[in-house]
Amino acid sequence: MRYLIEKAEDLVFIEKFFKKNFKIYFPDVKKEKIKKIEIEKKSPIWAKDTSLLRYKIFFDSQLKIVRGSAKKTHSKKKIFFLMNYLYWHGFNKGSYRIPKPLDYFEKANLLLYEEVEGETFASMLAQNKLKKIEQNVKRIAQWLAKLHTTKIKGVLFEKALFLGKRKYQKMFSDIENLMPSLKKDLKFSIDLDLVQQAWRKKEYFALIHNDFYPGNIIIQDSKIFGIDFDRAGIGPFLMDLATFYGCFDFPKEIWQIGLTKSERKKIQNLFLKVYCKKRNMQLKKIKDLLKPFLLKIFLDQIHYHFYFAKRGWRYMDKTAKNTAQRKIQALIVEVAKLTEDL
């Protein structure tokens, strides 16, 4: 099924939609009227199948900001269901939260939720304030532990989005075709079955975020918010640990972070230590179990950056293409190293 995501960007439609529903979304302004709405598109101009939007809704006395996410294929209804479940099962109060989900409009496949004010953890890392970073890493670990221990028995959540062996094999083939200069870098042996088998171990299954990078974590005073649940579902909790832990080892071509290698290691170990303590787990055992998942997050990064570049390849000049190739190459080098460690 293909959805009419153009509706999400149609100001006339959006004005009617919010005027009809705002009293449900925002009870605190139900006696006011909407004066105007502004739509800001956040997705790239060439992204025709997805639409990321920011709605500024001006009332008589205040402003409300709503985030919208629409996609031509693959229903976002399950994401709304998951967010709604989390919000009303402990993530709507206290220090560990998610944004308030507002609605799902099926015709446009549009997911709506309140924007959270604050600073992403990625932005905080760029400031290199180690003490502040360490304080928040502890709370981030506790947010994740809370997610992974959320009761899921009897709730029909779907499986988290998983890229498997065939996707990676096709990816490597596509890289050789589009970026032939990288063919020499792909001459290493990798056991993709090991990655696939690790994902299938049901004893480690929980409700997972599945995209737990610093950019999807917002710090608001003493509160931690997890955002962007598009890939979330049931899967091994080790994936979330590996995602956060492993991103500090990304090459500079992917993520330039001012922290020294020893500072990054300190943050990684602090994160795992607090998480394991919260869940009464053995740190050494968890570190051993993480190895195939660390390999997977680097494979997933190659997949993301390669197909992101592939979609925009014809619009890129020579400099942009070279930059994209350097990113892919740097990640491939790291994958080769991780393969040797398994």
Protein backbone atom coordinates (compact mmCIF):
# COMPACT_ATOMS: atom_id res chain seq x y z
CA MET A 1 0.00 0.00 0.00
CA ARG A 2 1.22 3.49 -0.90
CA TYR A 3 0.12 6.35 1.32
CA LEU A 4 -0.67 9.96 0.39
CA ILE A 5 2.15 11.60 2.33
CA GLU A 6 1.60 14.81 0.38
CA LYS A 7 -1.32 15.41 2.75
CA ALA A 8 1.17 15.86 5.59
CA GLU A 9 2.69 18.84 3.75
CA ASP A 10 -0.59 20.39 2.57
CA LEU A 11 -1.12 23.49 4.72
CA VAL A 12 -4.87 23.70 4.01
CA PHE A 13 -5.37 20.07 5.04
CA ILE A 14 -3.10 20.38 8.10
CA GLU A 15 -4.92 23.47 9.33
CA LYS A 16 -8.27 21.67 9.13
CA PHE A 17 -6.77 18.58 10.78
CA PHE A 18 -5.34 20.42 13.80
CA LYS A 19 -8.36 22.69 14.24
CA LYS A 20 -10.50 19.57 14.46
CA ASN A 21 -8.24 17.68 16.90
CA PHE A 22 -6.21 20.19 18.93
CA LYS A 23 -8.51 20.04 21.98
CA ILE A 24 -7.72 16.34 22.30
CA TYR A 25 -3.98 16.85 21.82
CA PHE A 26 -3.62 19.96 23.99
CA PRO A 27 -6.27 20.13 26.76
CA ASP A 28 -4.47 23.10 28.31
CA VAL A 29 -5.37 25.33 25.33
CA LYS A 30 -8.83 23.97 24.50
CA LYS A 31 -10.42 27.37 25.20
CA GLU A 32 -8.10 29.11 22.74
CA LYS A 33 -8.10 29.27 18.95
CA ILE A 34 -5.41 28.45 16.41
CA LYS A 35 -4.21 31.68 14.82
CA LYS A 36 -1.90 30.12 12.25
CA ILE A 37 0.24 27.06 11.45
CA GLU A 38 3.67 26.95 9.86
CA ILE A 39 5.13 23.80 8.28
CA GLU A 40 8.88 23.22 8.17
CA LYS A 41 10.15 20.27 6.14
CA LYS A 42 13.17 18.59 7.77
CA SER A 43 13.82 15.77 5.28
CA PRO A 44 16.16 16.20 2.25
CA ILE A 45 14.64 17.60 -0.94
CA TRP A 46 15.40 14.40 -2.85
CA ALA A 47 13.68 12.15 -0.26
CA LYS A 48 10.45 11.55 -2.16
CA ASP A 49 9.19 8.54 -0.16
CA THR A 50 9.53 10.03 3.31
CA SER A 51 8.60 13.31 4.92
CA LEU A 52 9.89 14.64 8.24
CA LEU A 53 7.99 17.70 9.34
CA ARG A 54 7.83 20.29 12.10
CA TYR A 55 4.49 21.96 12.71
CA LYS A 56 4.45 25.28 14.57
CA ILE A 57 0.93 25.86 15.89
CA PHE A 58 0.28 29.40 17.11
CA PHE A 59 -2.54 29.79 19.64
CA ASP A 60 -3.85 33.02 21.16
CA SER A 61 -1.36 32.95 24.03
CA GLN A 62 1.20 30.22 23.29
CA LEU A 63 3.01 28.10 20.75
CA LYS A 64 2.87 24.32 20.39
CA ILE A 65 5.37 22.41 18.27
CA VAL A 66 4.52 19.02 16.83
CA ARG A 67 6.78 16.65 14.94
CA GLY A 68 5.40 14.65 12.03
CA SER A 69 6.83 11.64 10.26
CA ALA A 70 5.24 10.17 7.12
CA LYS A 71 6.28 7.46 4.67
CA LYS A 72 4.78 6.28 1.37
CA THR A 73 5.21 2.62 2.28
CA HIS A 74 5.34 0.63 5.56
CA SER A 75 2.71 1.73 8.03
CA LYS A 76 3.76 3.78 11.05
CA LYS A 77 0.74 2.57 13.01
CA LYS A 78 2.83 0.05 14.94
CA ILE A 79 5.24 2.83 15.96
CA PHE A 80 2.36 4.89 17.31
CA PHE A 81 1.11 1.83 19.22
CA LEU A 82 4.57 1.18 20.69
CA MET A 83 5.11 4.82 21.69
CA ASN A 84 1.64 5.03 23.18
CA TYR A 85 2.28 1.87 25.22
CA LEU A 86 5.60 3.19 26.55
CA TYR A 87 4.20 6.63 27.32
CA TRP A 88 1.40 5.23 29.47
CA HIS A 89 3.64 2.59 31.09
CA GLY A 90 6.04 4.84 32.95
CA PHE A 91 7.69 6.97 30.26
CA ASN A 92 5.38 9.96 30.75
CA LYS A 93 6.77 11.04 34.13
CA GLY A 94 9.92 11.03 36.21
CA SER A 95 13.43 11.31 34.84
CA TYR A 96 13.16 8.79 32.00
CA ARG A 97 10.67 9.67 29.29
CA ILE A 98 9.64 9.67 25.65
CA PRO A 99 7.78 12.40 23.70
CA LYS A 100 4.02 12.37 24.02
CA PRO A 101 2.52 10.55 21.01
CA LEU A 102 -0.47 12.49 19.68
CA ASP A 103 -2.02 10.65 16.76
CA TYR A 104 -1.68 8.46 13.72
CA PHE A 105 -3.44 9.51 10.50
CA GLU A 106 -3.61 6.44 8.27
CA LYS A 107 -4.38 8.02 4.88
CA ALA A 108 -1.10 9.96 4.98
CA ASN A 109 0.69 7.37 7.15
CA LEU A 110 1.47 10.31 9.41
CA LEU A 111 2.77 9.85 12.96
CA LEU A 112 2.43 12.90 15.20
CA TYR A 113 4.13 13.55 18.55
CA GLU A 114 5.05 16.53 20.67
CA GLU A 115 8.46 18.03 20.14
CA VAL A 116 10.77 17.79 23.15
CA GLU A 117 12.79 20.85 24.07
CA GLY A 118 16.36 20.18 25.08
CA GLU A 119 19.80 19.25 23.80
CA THR A 120 20.70 16.06 22.01
CA PHE A 121 23.42 14.03 23.66
CA ALA A 122 25.33 14.23 20.36
CA SER A 123 25.41 18.02 20.72
CA MET A 124 26.56 17.71 24.32
CA LEU A 125 29.42 15.41 23.27
CA ALA A 126 30.59 18.04 20.77
CA GLN A 127 31.14 20.47 23.66
CA ASN A 128 33.72 18.12 25.26
CA LYS A 129 32.56 18.83 28.83
CA LEU A 130 33.57 15.48 30.28
CA LYS A 131 32.03 15.85 33.75
CA LYS A 132 28.65 16.81 32.29
CA ILE A 133 28.90 13.98 29.75
CA GLU A 134 29.66 11.40 32.45
CA GLN A 135 26.70 12.53 34.57
CA ASN A 136 24.34 12.08 31.67
CA VAL A 137 25.84 8.79 30.49
CA LYS A 138 24.80 7.29 33.83
CA ARG A 139 21.23 8.48 33.34
CA ILE A 140 21.19 7.31 29.72
CA ALA A 141 22.18 3.82 30.86
CA GLN A 142 19.34 3.89 33.38
CA TRP A 143 16.85 5.04 30.72
CA LEU A 144 17.87 2.09 28.57
CA ALA A 145 17.63 -0.37 31.46
CA LYS A 146 14.09 0.90 32.11
CA LEU A 147 13.16 0.33 28.46
CA HIS A 148 14.57 -3.20 28.42
CA THR A 149 12.71 -4.18 31.59
CA THR A 150 9.36 -2.81 30.43
CA LYS A 151 6.71 -5.52 30.68
CA ILE A 152 5.96 -6.96 27.24
CA LYS A 153 4.30 -10.28 28.05
CA GLY A 154 0.93 -10.50 26.35
CA VAL A 155 1.52 -7.37 24.24
CA LEU A 156 1.66 -7.90 20.47
CA PHE A 157 4.73 -5.88 19.54
CA GLU A 158 6.34 -6.57 16.17
CA LYS A 159 9.95 -7.64 15.81
CA ALA A 160 12.52 -4.87 15.57
CA LEU A 161 13.83 -4.03 12.12
CA PHE A 162 16.68 -6.41 11.32
CA LEU A 163 19.16 -6.39 8.44
CA GLY A 164 20.37 -9.93 7.81
CA LYS A 165 22.89 -11.89 5.78
CA ARG A 166 21.26 -11.40 2.36
CA LYS A 167 20.97 -7.63 2.82
CA TYR A 168 24.67 -7.37 3.63
CA GLN A 169 25.68 -9.61 0.73
CA LYS A 170 23.69 -7.45 -1.67
CA MET A 171 25.16 -4.33 -0.06
CA PHE A 172 28.74 -5.47 -0.69
CA SER A 173 27.85 -6.34 -4.30
CA ASP A 174 26.22 -2.91 -4.82
CA ILE A 175 29.28 -1.17 -3.34
CA GLU A 176 31.56 -2.93 -5.82
CA ASN A 177 29.31 -1.83 -8.69
CA LEU A 178 28.82 1.80 -7.65
CA MET A 179 32.24 2.35 -6.03
CA PRO A 180 34.67 -0.02 -7.81
CA SER A 181 37.69 1.66 -6.20
CA LEU A 182 36.60 0.08 -2.87
CA LYS A 183 36.68 -3.47 -4.24
CA LYS A 184 40.19 -4.02 -2.85
CA ASP A 185 39.01 -3.05 0.65
CA LEU A 186 36.31 -5.73 0.60
CA LYS A 187 38.78 -8.61 0.34
CA PHE A 188 38.30 -9.98 3.85
CA SER A 189 36.45 -12.97 5.26
CA ILE A 190 33.36 -12.30 7.33
CA ASP A 191 31.03 -14.78 9.01
CA LEU A 192 27.62 -13.19 8.49
CA ASP A 193 25.95 -16.28 9.94
CA LEU A 194 27.46 -15.43 13.32
CA VAL A 195 25.78 -12.02 13.28
CA GLN A 196 22.47 -13.56 12.25
CA GLN A 197 22.61 -16.25 14.93
CA ALA A 198 23.39 -13.70 17.67
CA TRP A 199 20.26 -11.72 16.77
CA ARG A 200 18.05 -14.82 17.08
CA LYS A 201 18.88 -15.70 20.69
CA LYS A 202 15.48 -15.21 22.31
CA GLU A 203 16.80 -15.35 25.86
CA TYR A 204 18.07 -11.80 25.29
CA PHE A 205 14.85 -10.49 23.75
CA ALA A 206 13.26 -7.33 25.14
CA LEU A 207 11.57 -4.21 23.83
CA ILE A 208 14.47 -2.41 22.13
CA HIS A 209 14.98 1.02 20.61
CA ASN A 210 17.20 -0.36 17.83
CA ASP A 211 18.66 3.02 16.86
CA PHE A 212 20.09 4.14 20.18
CA TYR A 213 22.59 6.73 19.01
CA PRO A 214 23.43 10.00 20.84
CA GLY A 215 21.39 11.97 18.29
CA ASN A 216 18.25 10.12 19.39
CA ILE A 217 18.69 11.02 23.05
CA ILE A 218 17.55 14.41 24.36
CA ILE A 219 18.67 15.93 27.65
CA GLN A 220 16.18 18.28 29.25
CA ASP A 221 17.45 19.46 32.65
CA SER A 222 17.25 16.31 34.82
CA LYS A 223 15.19 14.36 32.28
CA ILE A 224 16.30 11.93 29.57
CA PHE A 225 14.11 11.47 26.49
CA GLY A 226 14.52 8.72 23.91
CA ILE A 227 13.21 9.71 20.47
CA ASP A 228 12.77 8.17 17.00
CA PHE A 229 11.25 4.72 17.42
CA ASP A 230 10.98 3.85 13.72
CA ARG A 231 13.19 0.78 14.08
CA ALA A 232 11.97 -0.29 17.53
CA GLY A 233 10.34 -3.57 18.47
CA ILE A 234 11.20 -6.92 20.00
CA GLY A 235 14.84 -7.94 19.69
CA PRO A 236 18.04 -8.62 21.65
CA PHE A 237 18.76 -5.87 24.18
CA LEU A 238 22.45 -6.28 23.34
CA MET A 239 21.80 -4.40 20.10
CA ASP A 240 21.00 -1.18 21.95
CA LEU A 241 24.05 -1.58 24.18
CA ALA A 242 26.29 -2.16 21.16
CA THR A 243 24.81 0.82 19.30
CA PHE A 244 25.57 3.33 22.05
CA TYR A 245 28.84 1.71 23.13
CA GLY A 246 30.15 1.17 19.61
CA CYS A 247 29.43 4.63 18.21
CA PHE A 248 32.34 6.00 20.25
CA ASP A 249 34.61 3.88 18.05
CA PHE A 250 33.26 5.23 14.76
CA PRO A 251 35.99 6.61 12.46
CA LYS A 252 36.37 10.37 12.19
CA GLU A 253 34.96 10.26 8.64
CA ILE A 254 31.60 9.31 10.20
CA TRP A 255 31.62 11.22 13.44
CA GLN A 256 34.17 13.73 14.63
CA ILE A 257 34.21 13.84 18.39
CA GLY A 258 36.72 15.88 20.35
CA LEU A 259 37.16 13.41 23.19
CA THR A 260 40.45 11.54 23.47
CA LYS A 261 40.58 7.78 23.03
CA SER A 262 40.96 7.25 26.80
CA GLU A 263 38.01 9.58 27.50
CA ARG A 264 35.85 7.67 25.03
CA LYS A 265 36.80 4.36 26.65
CA LYS A 266 35.94 5.79 30.04
CA ILE A 267 32.47 6.78 28.81
CA GLN A 268 31.91 3.37 27.19
CA ASN A 269 32.88 1.49 30.36
CA LEU A 270 30.84 3.80 32.59
CA PHE A 271 27.77 3.25 30.41
CA LEU A 272 28.06 -0.55 30.54
CA LYS A 273 28.92 -0.58 34.25
CA VAL A 274 25.84 1.45 35.24
CA TYR A 275 23.57 -0.57 32.94
CA CYS A 276 24.83 -3.92 34.26
CA LYS A 277 24.51 -2.77 37.87
CA LYS A 278 20.94 -1.62 37.26
CA ARG A 279 20.02 -5.00 35.77
CA ASN A 280 22.21 -7.12 38.05
CA MET A 281 24.32 -8.47 35.17
CA GLN A 282 27.97 -9.45 34.94
CA LEU A 283 29.97 -6.78 33.11
CA LYS A 284 32.54 -9.20 31.66
CA LYS A 285 29.85 -11.51 30.28
CA ILE A 286 28.00 -8.63 28.62
CA LYS A 287 31.22 -7.37 27.00
CA ASP A 288 31.82 -10.82 25.50
CA LEU A 289 28.25 -11.08 24.25
CA LEU A 290 28.50 -7.66 22.58
CA LYS A 291 31.15 -8.66 20.00
CA PRO A 292 28.89 -9.85 17.14
CA PHE A 293 26.54 -6.92 17.79
CA LEU A 294 29.40 -4.43 17.55
CA LEU A 295 30.23 -5.93 14.17
CA LYS A 296 26.57 -5.59 13.19
CA ILE A 297 26.31 -1.89 14.01
CA PHE A 298 29.30 -1.18 11.76
CA LEU A 299 27.70 -3.23 8.99
CA ASP A 300 24.48 -1.28 9.53
CA GLN A 301 26.40 1.98 9.29
CA ILE A 302 27.86 0.92 5.96
CA HIS A 303 24.36 0.02 4.80
CA TYR A 304 22.95 3.37 5.91
CA HIS A 305 25.70 5.57 4.47
CA PHE A 306 26.02 3.62 1.23
CA TYR A 307 22.32 3.59 0.34
CA PHE A 308 21.96 7.19 1.48
CA ALA A 309 24.72 8.07 -1.02
CA LYS A 310 23.28 5.79 -3.70
CA ARG A 311 19.89 7.52 -3.59
CA GLY A 312 21.50 10.91 -4.13
CA TRP A 313 24.42 9.76 -6.32
CA ARG A 314 23.25 11.42 -9.54
CA TYR A 315 22.84 14.75 -7.73
CA MET A 316 26.34 14.69 -6.24
CA ASP A 317 29.40 16.43 -7.62
CA LYS A 318 32.84 14.77 -7.61
CA THR A 319 33.76 16.13 -4.15
CA ALA A 320 30.56 14.81 -2.55
CA LYS A 321 31.06 11.40 -4.16
CA ASN A 322 34.64 11.20 -2.88
CA THR A 323 33.47 12.14 0.61
CA ALA A 324 30.83 9.40 0.53
CA GLN A 325 33.40 6.84 -0.63
CA ARG A 326 35.81 7.79 2.16
CA LYS A 327 33.06 7.23 4.73
CA ILE A 328 32.28 3.78 3.34
CA GLN A 329 35.96 2.88 3.13
CA ALA A 330 36.66 3.92 6.73
CA LEU A 331 33.78 1.76 7.95
CA ILE A 332 34.89 -1.22 5.88
CA VAL A 333 38.35 -1.01 7.46
CA GLU A 334 36.75 -1.14 10.94
CA VAL A 335 34.58 -4.11 9.95
CA ALA A 336 37.67 -5.98 8.82
CA LYS A 337 39.29 -5.34 12.25
CA LEU A 338 36.18 -6.45 14.16
CA THR A 339 35.96 -9.62 12.07
CA GLU A 340 39.47 -10.58 13.20
CA ASP A 341 38.46 -10.16 16.86
CA LEU A 342 35.51 -12.58 16.66
